[in-house]
Protein backbone atom coordinates (compact mmCIF):
# COMPACT_ATOMS: atom_id res chain seq x y z
CA MET A 1 -29.97 19.36 122.77
CA THR A 2 -32.38 20.11 119.84
CA GLN A 3 -29.79 22.13 117.84
CA VAL A 4 -26.87 19.12 118.16
CA ASN A 5 -29.16 16.70 116.77
CA GLU A 6 -30.60 18.68 113.84
CA GLU A 7 -26.95 19.06 113.08
CA GLU A 8 -26.61 15.22 113.17
CA LEU A 9 -29.25 14.81 111.36
CA PHE A 10 -28.21 17.14 108.72
CA LEU A 11 -24.61 15.71 108.28
CA THR A 12 -26.15 12.35 107.85
CA LYS A 13 -28.57 13.27 105.51
CA LEU A 14 -25.62 15.08 103.65
CA THR A 15 -23.46 12.08 103.61
CA ASN A 16 -25.81 9.72 102.22
CA ASN A 17 -26.64 11.68 99.45
CA ARG A 18 -22.68 11.84 98.66
CA LYS A 19 -23.14 7.99 98.53
CA SER A 20 -26.01 7.71 96.21
CA ILE A 21 -23.82 10.31 93.70
CA ILE A 22 -20.91 8.40 93.91
CA VAL A 23 -22.76 5.11 93.19
CA THR A 24 -24.62 6.83 90.33
CA ILE A 25 -21.40 7.99 89.01
CA ALA A 26 -19.58 4.88 89.23
CA THR A 27 -22.86 3.21 87.70
CA VAL A 28 -22.21 5.53 84.62
CA LEU A 29 -18.65 4.85 84.12
CA MET A 30 -19.19 1.35 84.25
CA PHE A 31 -22.24 1.22 81.78
CA ALA A 32 -19.97 3.81 79.46
CA ALA A 33 -17.16 1.12 79.87
CA VAL A 34 -19.09 -1.74 78.80
CA LEU A 35 -20.74 -0.05 76.10
CA THR A 36 -17.01 1.21 74.84
CA PHE A 37 -15.87 -2.24 75.03
CA ALA A 38 -19.06 -3.48 73.66
CA ILE A 39 -18.92 -1.22 70.81
CA TYR A 40 -14.48 -2.12 70.44
CA GLU A 41 -15.15 -5.82 70.21
CA GLY A 42 -18.38 -5.05 67.85
CA THR A 43 -15.90 -3.46 65.00
CA LYS A 44 -13.67 -6.71 65.33
CA ASN A 45 -13.64 -8.62 62.19
CA THR A 46 -13.74 -12.65 62.88
CA VAL A 47 -10.67 -14.89 61.62
CA THR A 48 -11.15 -18.62 60.82
CA MET A 49 -7.66 -19.67 61.16
CA THR A 50 -6.72 -23.15 60.20
CA ALA A 51 -2.71 -23.74 61.82
CA ASN A 52 -1.48 -27.26 60.71
CA GLY A 53 -5.06 -28.58 60.67
CA GLU A 54 -6.36 -27.26 63.84
CA LYS A 55 -9.05 -24.93 63.47
CA THR A 56 -9.87 -21.87 65.75
CA GLU A 57 -11.65 -18.28 65.14
CA VAL A 58 -9.83 -15.10 66.49
CA LYS A 59 -11.47 -11.59 66.59
CA THR A 60 -8.86 -8.88 65.50
CA HIS A 61 -8.69 -5.36 64.29
CA ALA A 62 -5.75 -6.44 62.57
CA GLU A 63 -6.17 -4.48 59.13
CA THR A 64 -3.94 -7.31 57.15
CA VAL A 65 -3.05 -10.67 57.07
CA GLY A 66 0.88 -10.41 58.21
CA ASP A 67 -0.87 -8.21 61.02
CA PHE A 68 -2.84 -10.96 62.24
CA LEU A 69 0.19 -13.40 61.95
CA GLU A 70 2.37 -10.64 63.65
CA GLU A 71 -0.34 -10.20 66.23
CA GLN A 72 -0.68 -14.03 67.04
CA GLU A 73 3.25 -14.59 67.44
CA ILE A 74 3.20 -16.84 64.11
CA GLU A 75 6.52 -16.79 62.20
CA VAL A 76 5.48 -18.13 58.51
CA SER A 77 9.02 -19.15 56.58
CA GLU A 78 9.26 -19.30 52.57
CA HIS A 79 8.35 -23.05 52.70
CA ASP A 80 5.05 -22.72 54.95
CA PHE A 81 1.84 -22.72 53.00
CA LEU A 82 -0.47 -19.78 53.86
CA SER A 83 -3.63 -19.53 52.07
CA GLN A 84 -3.56 -15.78 51.54
CA PRO A 85 -0.72 -13.41 50.94
CA ALA A 86 0.79 -11.75 53.99
CA ASP A 87 -0.07 -7.89 52.17
CA ALA A 88 -3.96 -9.23 51.89
CA ALA A 89 -6.32 -6.62 53.69
CA ILE A 90 -8.65 -7.82 56.50
CA GLU A 91 -11.85 -5.80 55.92
CA GLU A 92 -14.72 -8.64 57.27
CA ASP A 93 -14.88 -12.48 58.41
CA VAL A 94 -11.94 -14.18 56.44
CA ALA A 95 -11.04 -18.06 56.66
CA LEU A 96 -6.87 -18.22 57.29
CA GLU A 97 -4.72 -21.53 56.56
CA TRP A 98 -1.38 -22.02 57.66
CA GLU A 99 0.58 -24.91 57.68
CA LYS A 100 4.43 -25.56 58.91
CA ALA A 101 6.84 -26.84 56.00
CA LYS A 102 8.70 -29.84 56.97
CA GLU A 103 12.07 -31.03 56.45
CA TYR A 104 12.59 -33.97 54.33
CA THR A 105 16.04 -35.92 53.99
CA ILE A 106 16.33 -37.21 50.48
CA ASN A 107 19.19 -39.86 49.25
CA ILE A 108 20.04 -39.56 45.74
CA ASP A 109 22.70 -42.02 44.87
CA GLY A 110 24.35 -41.88 48.06
CA LYS A 111 24.64 -38.18 48.23
CA LYS A 112 22.12 -36.47 50.93
CA THR A 113 19.56 -33.40 50.11
CA ALA A 114 17.01 -31.81 52.07
CA ALA A 115 13.59 -30.77 51.15
CA TRP A 116 11.09 -28.42 52.85
CA THR A 117 7.73 -28.78 51.80
CA THR A 118 4.18 -29.25 53.60
CA ASP A 119 3.34 -32.18 51.51
CA ASP A 120 3.57 -35.49 52.73
CA GLN A 121 3.53 -37.51 49.00
CA VAL A 122 7.28 -38.57 48.05
CA LYS A 123 6.50 -37.37 43.81
CA ASP A 124 5.69 -33.72 45.57
CA ILE A 125 8.50 -33.81 47.66
CA LEU A 126 11.07 -34.81 45.05
CA ALA A 127 9.41 -32.34 43.02
CA LYS A 128 9.51 -29.40 45.69
CA ALA A 129 13.10 -30.68 46.01
CA ASP A 130 13.44 -30.54 41.76
CA ILE A 131 14.54 -33.71 41.42
CA LYS A 132 13.28 -35.24 38.22
CA THR A 133 12.61 -39.07 38.27
CA THR A 134 12.19 -41.55 35.10
CA GLU A 135 10.72 -44.71 34.76
CA HIS A 136 13.52 -46.72 35.69
CA ASP A 137 14.79 -45.17 38.45
CA LYS A 138 14.29 -46.74 42.05
CA VAL A 139 12.95 -44.69 44.58
CA SER A 140 11.78 -46.02 47.84
CA PRO A 141 9.24 -45.53 49.27
CA GLY A 142 6.81 -45.34 46.58
CA LEU A 143 6.08 -42.16 44.33
CA ASP A 144 2.48 -42.33 45.25
CA GLU A 145 3.52 -43.07 49.13
CA LYS A 146 2.82 -40.46 52.12
CA VAL A 147 5.73 -40.21 54.39
CA ASP A 148 6.73 -38.29 57.39
CA ALA A 149 9.90 -36.19 58.06
CA ASP A 150 11.41 -39.14 59.63
CA THR A 151 11.32 -41.08 56.55
CA ALA A 152 14.28 -41.00 54.44
CA ILE A 153 13.64 -41.31 50.95
CA SER A 154 15.71 -43.00 48.56
CA VAL A 155 16.52 -42.23 44.66
CA GLU A 156 18.66 -44.38 42.60
CA LYS A 157 19.31 -43.04 39.15
CA ALA A 158 19.11 -45.48 36.24
CA TYR A 159 22.25 -45.61 33.70
CA GLU A 160 22.36 -47.88 30.57
CA VAL A 161 24.03 -51.37 30.78
CA THR A 162 24.84 -53.53 28.02
CA ILE A 163 23.77 -57.44 28.09
CA LEU A 164 25.56 -59.71 25.56
CA ASP A 165 23.19 -62.95 25.79
CA GLY A 166 25.18 -65.38 23.88
CA LEU A 167 24.81 -63.56 20.08
CA LYS A 168 21.98 -61.19 21.36
CA LYS A 169 23.31 -58.08 22.10
CA LYS A 170 21.07 -55.20 23.75
CA LYS A 171 21.07 -51.96 26.07
CA VAL A 172 19.03 -51.65 29.24
CA TRP A 173 18.11 -49.46 32.03
CA SER A 174 19.46 -50.60 35.67
CA THR A 175 20.19 -48.99 39.03
CA SER A 176 22.76 -49.92 41.35
CA THR A 177 22.39 -53.88 41.94
CA THR A 178 24.62 -57.10 41.77
CA VAL A 179 25.06 -59.15 38.58
CA ALA A 180 23.04 -61.71 40.09
CA ASP A 181 19.81 -59.08 40.41
CA PHE A 182 20.45 -57.86 37.20
CA LEU A 183 20.31 -60.83 35.38
CA LYS A 184 16.73 -61.42 37.52
CA GLN A 185 15.13 -57.99 37.33
CA ASN A 186 15.70 -58.56 32.91
CA LYS A 187 14.13 -62.46 33.54
CA ILE A 188 17.13 -63.83 32.01
CA SER A 189 16.90 -67.31 33.18
CA LEU A 190 20.51 -69.44 33.10
CA GLY A 191 21.00 -73.34 31.87
CA GLU A 192 22.71 -75.70 33.31
CA LEU A 193 25.81 -75.75 31.10
CA ASP A 194 25.43 -71.36 30.77
CA ARG A 195 27.95 -69.44 32.59
CA VAL A 196 28.29 -65.54 32.98
CA GLU A 197 31.60 -64.06 32.70
CA ASN A 198 31.10 -61.58 35.15
CA GLY A 199 31.10 -62.37 39.04
CA MET A 200 27.63 -63.03 40.15
CA ASP A 201 28.07 -60.45 43.48
CA GLU A 202 30.10 -57.97 41.40
CA MET A 203 28.14 -54.71 41.12
CA VAL A 204 26.73 -53.56 37.94
CA VAL A 205 28.19 -49.90 37.17
CA PRO A 206 27.23 -47.43 34.48
CA ASN A 207 28.30 -48.49 30.55
CA SER A 208 29.69 -51.93 31.90
CA GLU A 209 28.88 -54.74 29.93
CA VAL A 210 27.21 -58.37 31.36
CA LYS A 211 28.15 -61.42 29.22
CA VAL A 212 26.32 -64.39 28.79
CA VAL A 213 28.18 -67.38 27.65
CA ARG A 214 25.46 -69.77 25.97
CA VAL A 215 26.80 -73.55 26.41
CA GLU A 216 25.42 -76.85 24.78
CA LYS A 217 26.43 -80.07 24.42
CA VAL A 218 25.71 -81.32 20.84
CA THR A 219 26.47 -85.04 19.01
CA ASP A 220 27.84 -85.36 16.21
CA VAL A 221 28.09 -88.50 14.10
CA VAL A 222 30.78 -88.35 11.46
CA GLU A 223 31.94 -91.26 8.65
CA ASP A 224 35.44 -90.87 7.91
CA SER A 225 37.11 -93.08 5.21
CA VAL A 226 39.76 -95.85 6.41
CA LYS A 227 42.64 -96.23 4.22
CA PHE A 228 43.43 -99.61 2.81
CA ALA A 229 46.10 -101.47 4.19
CA GLU A 230 48.76 -102.58 1.40
CA VAL A 231 50.04 -106.38 1.53
CA THR A 232 53.64 -106.70 -0.99
CA LYS A 233 53.97 -111.05 -2.00
CA LYS A 234 57.06 -111.99 -3.53
CA ASP A 235 56.82 -113.82 -6.98
CA SER A 236 59.65 -115.48 -8.29
CA SER A 237 57.77 -115.70 -11.76
CA ILE A 238 58.23 -112.03 -12.10
CA LEU A 239 61.21 -110.19 -12.97
CA LYS A 240 62.96 -108.32 -10.26
CA GLY A 241 61.44 -104.99 -9.92
CA LYS A 242 58.27 -105.53 -11.67
CA GLU A 243 55.12 -105.25 -9.60
CA LYS A 244 51.51 -107.07 -10.30
CA LEU A 245 48.50 -105.76 -8.88
CA VAL A 246 46.96 -109.07 -7.48
CA GLN A 247 43.75 -107.55 -5.52
CA LYS A 248 42.70 -103.89 -5.74
CA GLY A 249 42.28 -102.12 -2.27
CA GLU A 250 39.31 -100.63 -1.45
CA ASN A 251 38.92 -97.54 1.50
CA GLY A 252 36.35 -99.09 4.63
CA VAL A 253 34.27 -96.68 6.44
CA VAL A 254 33.46 -95.89 10.04
CA ALA A 255 31.07 -93.92 11.93
CA LYS A 256 32.69 -91.80 14.44
CA THR A 257 30.71 -90.49 17.24
CA PHE A 258 31.39 -87.11 18.75
CA GLU A 259 30.26 -85.17 21.65
CA VAL A 260 30.67 -81.36 20.84
CA VAL A 261 31.01 -78.40 23.04
CA LYS A 262 29.50 -75.11 21.57
CA GLU A 263 29.92 -71.78 23.45
CA ASN A 264 27.47 -68.92 21.97
CA GLY A 265 27.33 -71.26 18.80
CA LYS A 266 31.11 -72.05 17.70
CA GLU A 267 32.67 -75.15 18.59
CA VAL A 268 35.08 -74.85 20.91
CA LYS A 269 35.49 -79.00 21.60
CA ARG A 270 34.94 -82.25 20.71
CA GLU A 271 35.65 -85.16 22.35
CA LEU A 272 35.46 -88.62 20.64
CA LYS A 273 33.08 -91.01 22.21
CA SER A 274 32.84 -94.03 20.31
CA GLU A 275 33.51 -95.36 16.82
CA LYS A 276 32.02 -98.04 14.74
CA THR A 277 32.70 -99.93 11.76
CA VAL A 278 30.72 -99.51 8.59
CA LYS A 279 32.30 -100.67 6.17
CA GLU A 280 35.39 -103.22 6.35
CA ALA A 281 38.35 -101.77 4.45
CA LYS A 282 39.45 -104.04 1.38
CA LYS A 283 43.67 -105.11 1.35
CA GLN A 284 45.45 -104.00 -2.00
CA VAL A 285 48.18 -107.15 -2.63
CA LYS A 286 51.10 -106.72 -5.07
CA ALA A 287 52.88 -108.89 -6.23
CA VAL A 288 56.89 -108.10 -6.40
CA GLY A 289 59.01 -109.71 -8.71
CA THR A 290 62.22 -111.39 -7.19
CA LYS A 291 63.13 -113.23 -10.74
CA VAL A 292 66.74 -111.74 -11.84
CA VAL A 293 68.57 -111.95 -15.07
CA VAL A 294 71.22 -114.43 -15.41
CA ALA A 295 73.80 -113.70 -18.21
CA SER A 296 76.31 -116.03 -20.24
CA VAL A 297 79.03 -115.36 -22.82
CA SER A 298 79.79 -116.91 -25.95
CA ARG A 299 83.08 -118.26 -27.59
CA GLY A 300 82.78 -121.31 -25.35
CA ALA A 301 84.32 -119.23 -22.26
CA LYS A 302 82.28 -120.07 -19.38
CA GLN A 303 81.53 -117.45 -16.60
CA PRO A 304 80.19 -117.47 -12.94
CA ALA A 305 75.97 -116.99 -13.04
CA PRO A 306 75.81 -113.31 -11.24
CA LYS A 307 74.10 -113.18 -7.57
CA ALA A 308 70.86 -111.87 -6.77
CA ALA A 309 70.38 -108.05 -7.09
CA THR A 310 69.98 -105.71 -4.28
CA ALA A 311 69.87 -102.39 -6.04
CA SER A 312 68.25 -101.50 -9.36
CA THR A 313 71.14 -99.78 -11.34
CA SER A 314 74.74 -99.12 -11.12
CA LYS A 315 74.16 -95.38 -12.53
CA ALA A 316 72.42 -92.81 -10.83
CA ALA A 317 69.44 -92.89 -13.53
CA PRO A 318 66.21 -94.45 -12.70
CA ALA A 319 65.72 -98.05 -13.74
CA PRO A 320 62.95 -98.96 -16.38
CA GLN A 321 60.68 -101.75 -16.47
CA GLN A 322 62.88 -105.05 -17.29
CA ALA A 323 62.52 -107.22 -20.53
CA ALA A 324 61.76 -110.81 -19.78
CA ALA A 325 64.92 -112.89 -18.62
CA PRO A 326 66.87 -114.07 -21.88
CA LYS A 327 66.82 -118.14 -22.46
CA GLN A 328 70.22 -120.01 -22.25
CA ALA A 329 71.90 -118.87 -25.29
CA ALA A 330 71.70 -121.11 -28.67
CA PRO A 331 74.71 -121.47 -31.15
CA ALA A 332 73.82 -118.11 -33.06
CA PRO A 333 72.50 -118.98 -36.82
CA LYS A 334 74.70 -118.07 -39.73
CA ALA A 335 73.72 -115.64 -41.84
CA ALA A 336 74.25 -115.16 -45.47
CA ALA A 337 75.28 -112.14 -45.91
CA ALA A 338 77.31 -111.61 -42.70
CA PRO A 339 81.09 -111.25 -42.65
CA ALA A 340 82.84 -113.84 -41.37
CA GLY A 341 83.16 -114.11 -37.52
CA GLU A 342 79.65 -111.97 -37.27
CA PRO A 343 76.43 -113.23 -35.97
CA ALA A 344 73.58 -113.02 -37.70
CA GLY A 345 70.89 -110.47 -36.13
CA ARG A 346 69.29 -107.06 -36.37
CA GLU A 347 72.18 -104.60 -37.11
CA LEU A 348 72.53 -100.85 -35.88
CA TYR A 349 75.10 -98.59 -35.55
CA VAL A 350 75.50 -96.66 -31.99
CA SER A 351 77.42 -94.46 -30.13
CA ALA A 352 79.46 -96.39 -27.75
CA THR A 353 81.69 -94.98 -24.29
CA ALA A 354 82.59 -97.80 -21.64
CA TYR A 355 82.00 -97.24 -17.58
CA THR A 356 83.09 -99.54 -14.73
CA ALA A 357 81.48 -100.57 -11.21
CA PHE A 358 83.55 -98.37 -9.06
CA CYS A 359 82.72 -95.07 -10.48
CA ALA A 360 81.97 -92.21 -7.57
CA GLY A 361 78.20 -93.21 -6.78
CA CYS A 362 77.99 -96.24 -8.73
CA SER A 363 76.24 -99.48 -7.10
CA GLY A 364 77.64 -102.12 -8.87
CA ILE A 365 74.33 -103.43 -9.53
CA THR A 366 72.93 -103.23 -12.82
CA ALA A 367 69.14 -102.52 -13.62
CA THR A 368 68.35 -106.17 -13.99
CA GLY A 369 70.34 -106.95 -11.13
CA ILE A 370 73.40 -108.14 -12.15
CA ASN A 371 76.35 -107.56 -9.41
CA LEU A 372 79.40 -106.53 -11.69
CA LYS A 373 81.68 -105.59 -8.41
CA ALA A 374 81.35 -109.38 -8.18
CA ASN A 375 81.44 -110.51 -11.52
CA PRO A 376 84.07 -108.43 -13.25
CA GLY A 377 84.58 -110.80 -16.13
CA LEU A 378 80.94 -110.41 -17.63
CA LYS A 379 80.43 -108.74 -20.38
CA VAL A 380 77.35 -106.54 -20.31
CA ILE A 381 75.69 -103.21 -21.77
CA ALA A 382 73.95 -100.42 -20.61
CA VAL A 383 71.11 -99.69 -23.48
CA ASP A 384 68.17 -97.47 -23.59
CA PRO A 385 65.12 -100.27 -23.42
CA SER A 386 63.42 -98.70 -26.38
CA VAL A 387 65.91 -99.51 -28.99
CA ILE A 388 67.56 -102.75 -27.60
CA PRO A 389 65.31 -104.48 -25.13
CA LEU A 390 66.77 -105.32 -21.58
CA GLY A 391 67.89 -108.98 -21.21
CA SER A 392 68.53 -109.30 -25.09
CA LYS A 393 72.10 -111.29 -26.08
CA VAL A 394 73.98 -108.60 -28.36
CA TRP A 395 77.21 -108.95 -30.46
CA VAL A 396 79.59 -105.64 -30.08
CA GLU A 397 81.73 -104.73 -32.65
CA GLY A 398 85.20 -104.73 -31.25
CA TYR A 399 83.69 -105.79 -27.48
CA GLY A 400 82.40 -109.07 -28.23
CA TYR A 401 79.18 -111.15 -27.36
CA ALA A 402 77.30 -109.39 -24.33
CA VAL A 403 73.69 -108.91 -22.60
CA ALA A 404 71.83 -105.71 -22.70
CA GLY A 405 71.44 -105.46 -18.55
CA ASP A 406 71.85 -102.05 -17.47
CA THR A 407 70.55 -98.41 -18.45
CA GLY A 408 71.78 -94.83 -17.60
CA GLY A 409 70.71 -91.55 -17.53
CA ALA A 410 72.64 -90.36 -20.30
CA ILE A 411 71.95 -93.69 -22.62
CA LYS A 412 69.45 -92.40 -24.65
CA GLY A 413 68.61 -93.29 -28.39
CA ASN A 414 71.53 -95.12 -30.57
CA LYS A 415 73.78 -94.96 -27.36
CA ILE A 416 75.51 -97.88 -25.12
CA ASP A 417 77.68 -98.23 -22.62
CA LEU A 418 80.24 -100.77 -22.49
CA PHE A 419 81.26 -102.32 -19.14
CA MET A 420 84.71 -102.54 -18.51
CA PRO A 421 86.29 -104.30 -15.38
CA ASN A 422 88.58 -101.47 -14.57
CA LYS A 423 88.75 -97.92 -14.64
CA SER A 424 91.73 -97.29 -17.03
CA ASP A 425 90.29 -99.55 -19.83
CA ALA A 426 87.15 -97.46 -19.72
CA LEU A 427 89.29 -94.28 -20.19
CA ALA A 428 91.03 -96.01 -22.92
CA PHE A 429 88.00 -97.36 -25.27
CA GLY A 430 86.60 -93.64 -24.94
CA ARG A 431 83.77 -92.69 -27.62
CA LYS A 432 83.46 -94.52 -30.86
CA GLN A 433 80.98 -95.56 -33.29
CA VAL A 434 80.24 -99.46 -33.10
CA LYS A 435 78.11 -102.11 -35.19
CA VAL A 436 75.88 -103.75 -32.89
CA LYS A 437 73.62 -106.98 -33.58
CA ILE A 438 70.71 -107.65 -31.42
CA LEU A 439 70.58 -111.74 -31.88
CA ASN A 440 67.35 -112.37 -29.77
């Protein structure tokens, strides 16, 4: 019994010693592990990481920034912002900033493009996309505004447009807009009568012209001359064909008021609005003679008096002024040296021809108004009034007593033309040198 108890006691003691050894070994191993971990952790570097604005501290044994980012499962694109290069060594505690780039949509004159950047100010986003703008371009939102990736950025590139404002021409910069907005942008106001050649809703395009026509209405007063009227009165005391000025005419003056429309300074319309007489016109009065010459012949033969003339000449030549009508023929005074049968008077020799009242183109009315067709028995000669005055009573050798009552285009100087009642007598007379005596 005693021996058995001792064995049990020995075994119990042995078991207790083993447990004590195991506990000791475990304790040592645990201490070693803790020490190893403490040493491992103590050799790590601290990286202060700011990712997309959030700051954290990370312990790491990574030797480079790239290793650290890979350790943290962070993928960095070419557009992202990283404060240090990926191959930078991590030898001690460091601060590292990383910001992921955002995609922005930019609309340039209707064409879309994308820009990746970490910037949020419009001008920086455009610079990142290599989009250059000028002061004339229209950018929305404004260049200094901050936006997020959901905001679309619009850029309208400016171009030159010509403005023709009346007579003024200039070039300005514009973006896509209507004519109405374009005028407003350039502070061009329109008067009540002004007009724009382009449609106000029309779009302004590059190298186009916007034409503004300046319209004005003005009043113009013009003084015009009013031609005087001519009045003719018959006067029986003046020989037919002669005229006498009784009253000299004077032009009047009238003030005319016009409404004038001008476009760009040039008159395009003129409308008469009123008239006012400033000075009355004075009529010009002429007296026209109606007195005709009555021819008579000698040798006791009584001839019918000629009727009043209705034309000036029996020939094509223009009628000269008539001389005063002769008085009733008186018995011719006898000249001492005159041959028997010849009257006394101023004597001259002339070349004589003959004519009739029935030639082609002849009216039959003499320059002094004698109707030869109605009075074929009268003796009348055509003369040059500067040699033999019209209306003179004459004696013609071989023809007898007659009246100088006609003229002719070919009767110049010492020439006369004798009236014959028929064509055969005129042709038979031919051309002769005859003596003529002017009796009065």
